[in-house]
Amino acid sequence: MIVENFPELADLDDEQKLILAGELWMSATSSDSESRDLSADAIRMLEDRLAHFEANPGTGILWEDLKDAKRVE
C-alpha cells in the first residue's frame, strides 16, 4: 500500500484523513491532470454503489451528518 510509504499519515485524525483524501481527489481530477478518466473498474464500482443506494435509500447518510458526528467524537 502507498500508506506504508508515509508512516506519518497514521498520526492524522479521521477528519484530517478525510480532508487529505479530498485534496488528493481534487488534485488527481483537476483540469491540468493528464489522467482524468476513471477506469472501467472504478466506473463499475460507482455504478454498483449508486444502484445499491437507489434500491436502499435509507442506508446512506448525508455528508453533513457524518462530518458533525466526527466532530462530536
C-alpha atoms as a PDB file:
ATOM      1  CA  MET A   1       0.000   0.000   0.000  1.00  0.00           C
ATOM      2  CA  ILE A   2       1.064   3.555  -0.580  1.00  0.00           C
ATOM      3  CA  VAL A   3       0.206   4.467   3.033  1.00  0.00           C
ATOM      4  CA  GLU A   4       3.074   2.285   4.252  1.00  0.00           C
ATOM      5  CA  ASN A   5       5.452   4.671   2.479  1.00  0.00           C
ATOM      6  CA  PHE A   6       4.154   7.574   4.575  1.00  0.00           C
ATOM      7  CA  PRO A   7       4.033   6.416   8.225  1.00  0.00           C
ATOM      8  CA  GLU A   8       3.254   9.948   9.431  1.00  0.00           C
ATOM      9  CA  LEU A   9      -0.252   9.511   7.977  1.00  0.00           C
ATOM     10  CA  ALA A  10      -1.042   7.254  10.928  1.00  0.00           C
ATOM     11  CA  ASP A  11      -0.790  10.341  13.167  1.00  0.00           C
ATOM     12  CA  LEU A  12      -3.644  12.107  11.365  1.00  0.00           C
ATOM     13  CA  ASP A  13      -7.076  12.061  12.987  1.00  0.00           C
ATOM     14  CA  ASP A  14     -10.111  10.936  10.990  1.00  0.00           C
ATOM     15  CA  GLU A  15     -11.117  14.449   9.956  1.00  0.00           C
ATOM     16  CA  GLN A  16      -7.598  15.205   8.701  1.00  0.00           C
ATOM     17  CA  LYS A  17      -7.597  11.941   6.733  1.00  0.00           C
ATOM     18  CA  LEU A  18     -10.911  12.848   5.091  1.00  0.00           C
ATOM     19  CA  ILE A  19      -9.595  16.298   4.205  1.00  0.00           C
ATOM     20  CA  LEU A  20      -6.421  14.762   2.775  1.00  0.00           C
ATOM     21  CA  ALA A  21      -8.480  12.283   0.735  1.00  0.00           C
ATOM     22  CA  GLY A  22     -10.500  15.168  -0.671  1.00  0.00           C
ATOM     23  CA  GLU A  23      -7.397  17.155  -1.516  1.00  0.00           C
ATOM     24  CA  LEU A  24      -5.822  14.149  -3.217  1.00  0.00           C
ATOM     25  CA  TRP A  25      -9.019  13.536  -5.175  1.00  0.00           C
ATOM     26  CA  MET A  26      -9.165  17.174  -6.277  1.00  0.00           C
ATOM     27  CA  SER A  27      -5.531  17.197  -7.349  1.00  0.00           C
ATOM     28  CA  ALA A  28      -5.969  13.959  -9.283  1.00  0.00           C
ATOM     29  CA  THR A  29      -9.069  15.216 -11.074  1.00  0.00           C
ATOM     30  CA  SER A  30      -8.039  18.820 -11.696  1.00  0.00           C
ATOM     31  CA  SER A  31      -8.225  20.196 -15.202  1.00  0.00           C
ATOM     32  CA  ASP A  32      -4.448  20.025 -15.628  1.00  0.00           C
ATOM     33  CA  SER A  33      -4.368  16.325 -14.744  1.00  0.00           C
ATOM     34  CA  GLU A  34      -3.410  14.041 -17.591  1.00  0.00           C
ATOM     35  CA  SER A  35      -5.419  11.084 -16.266  1.00  0.00           C
ATOM     36  CA  ARG A  36      -8.928  12.338 -15.560  1.00  0.00           C
ATOM     37  CA  ASP A  37     -10.699   9.275 -16.944  1.00  0.00           C
ATOM     38  CA  LEU A  38     -11.890   6.662 -14.475  1.00  0.00           C
ATOM     39  CA  SER A  39     -11.017   3.048 -15.064  1.00  0.00           C
ATOM     40  CA  ALA A  40     -13.740   0.618 -16.063  1.00  0.00           C
ATOM     41  CA  ASP A  41     -13.478  -0.966 -12.601  1.00  0.00           C
ATOM     42  CA  ALA A  42     -13.939   2.396 -10.875  1.00  0.00           C
ATOM     43  CA  ILE A  43     -16.960   3.222 -13.028  1.00  0.00           C
ATOM     44  CA  ARG A  44     -18.475  -0.199 -12.323  1.00  0.00           C
ATOM     45  CA  MET A  45     -17.909   0.236  -8.576  1.00  0.00           C
ATOM     46  CA  LEU A  46     -19.544   3.676  -8.572  1.00  0.00           C
ATOM     47  CA  GLU A  47     -22.492   2.380 -10.604  1.00  0.00           C
ATOM     48  CA  ASP A  48     -22.905  -0.555  -8.180  1.00  0.00           C
ATOM     49  CA  ARG A  49     -22.832   1.786  -5.181  1.00  0.00           C
ATOM     50  CA  LEU A  50     -25.367   4.116  -6.795  1.00  0.00           C
ATOM     51  CA  ALA A  51     -27.661   1.187  -7.648  1.00  0.00           C
ATOM     52  CA  HIS A  52     -27.389  -0.081  -4.063  1.00  0.00           C
ATOM     53  CA  PHE A  53     -28.221   3.356  -2.704  1.00  0.00           C
ATOM     54  CA  GLU A  54     -31.168   3.788  -5.074  1.00  0.00           C
ATOM     55  CA  ALA A  55     -32.530   0.376  -4.016  1.00  0.00           C
ATOM     56  CA  ASN A  56     -31.876   1.125  -0.311  1.00  0.00           C
ATOM     57  CA  PRO A  57     -32.019   4.912   0.149  1.00  0.00           C
ATOM     58  CA  GLY A  58     -32.231   4.609   3.930  1.00  0.00           C
ATOM     59  CA  THR A  59     -28.725   3.127   4.087  1.00  0.00           C
ATOM     60  CA  GLY A  60     -26.972   6.338   3.098  1.00  0.00           C
ATOM     61  CA  ILE A  61     -26.073   9.267   5.308  1.00  0.00           C
ATOM     62  CA  LEU A  62     -25.589  12.908   4.468  1.00  0.00           C
ATOM     63  CA  TRP A  63     -22.045  14.261   4.374  1.00  0.00           C
ATOM     64  CA  GLU A  64     -23.072  16.972   6.854  1.00  0.00           C
ATOM     65  CA  ASP A  65     -24.281  14.320   9.325  1.00  0.00           C
ATOM     66  CA  LEU A  66     -21.044  12.359   9.025  1.00  0.00           C
ATOM     67  CA  LYS A  67     -18.956  15.489   9.444  1.00  0.00           C
ATOM     68  CA  ASP A  68     -20.967  16.548  12.514  1.00  0.00           C
ATOM     69  CA  ALA A  69     -20.691  13.055  14.050  1.00  0.00           C
ATOM     70  CA  LYS A  70     -16.899  13.117  13.641  1.00  0.00           C
ATOM     71  CA  ARG A  71     -16.706  16.429  15.482  1.00  0.00           C
ATOM     72  CA  VAL A  72     -18.622  15.003  18.449  1.00  0.00           C
ATOM     73  CA  GLU A  73     -16.281  12.029  18.968  1.00  0.00           C
END
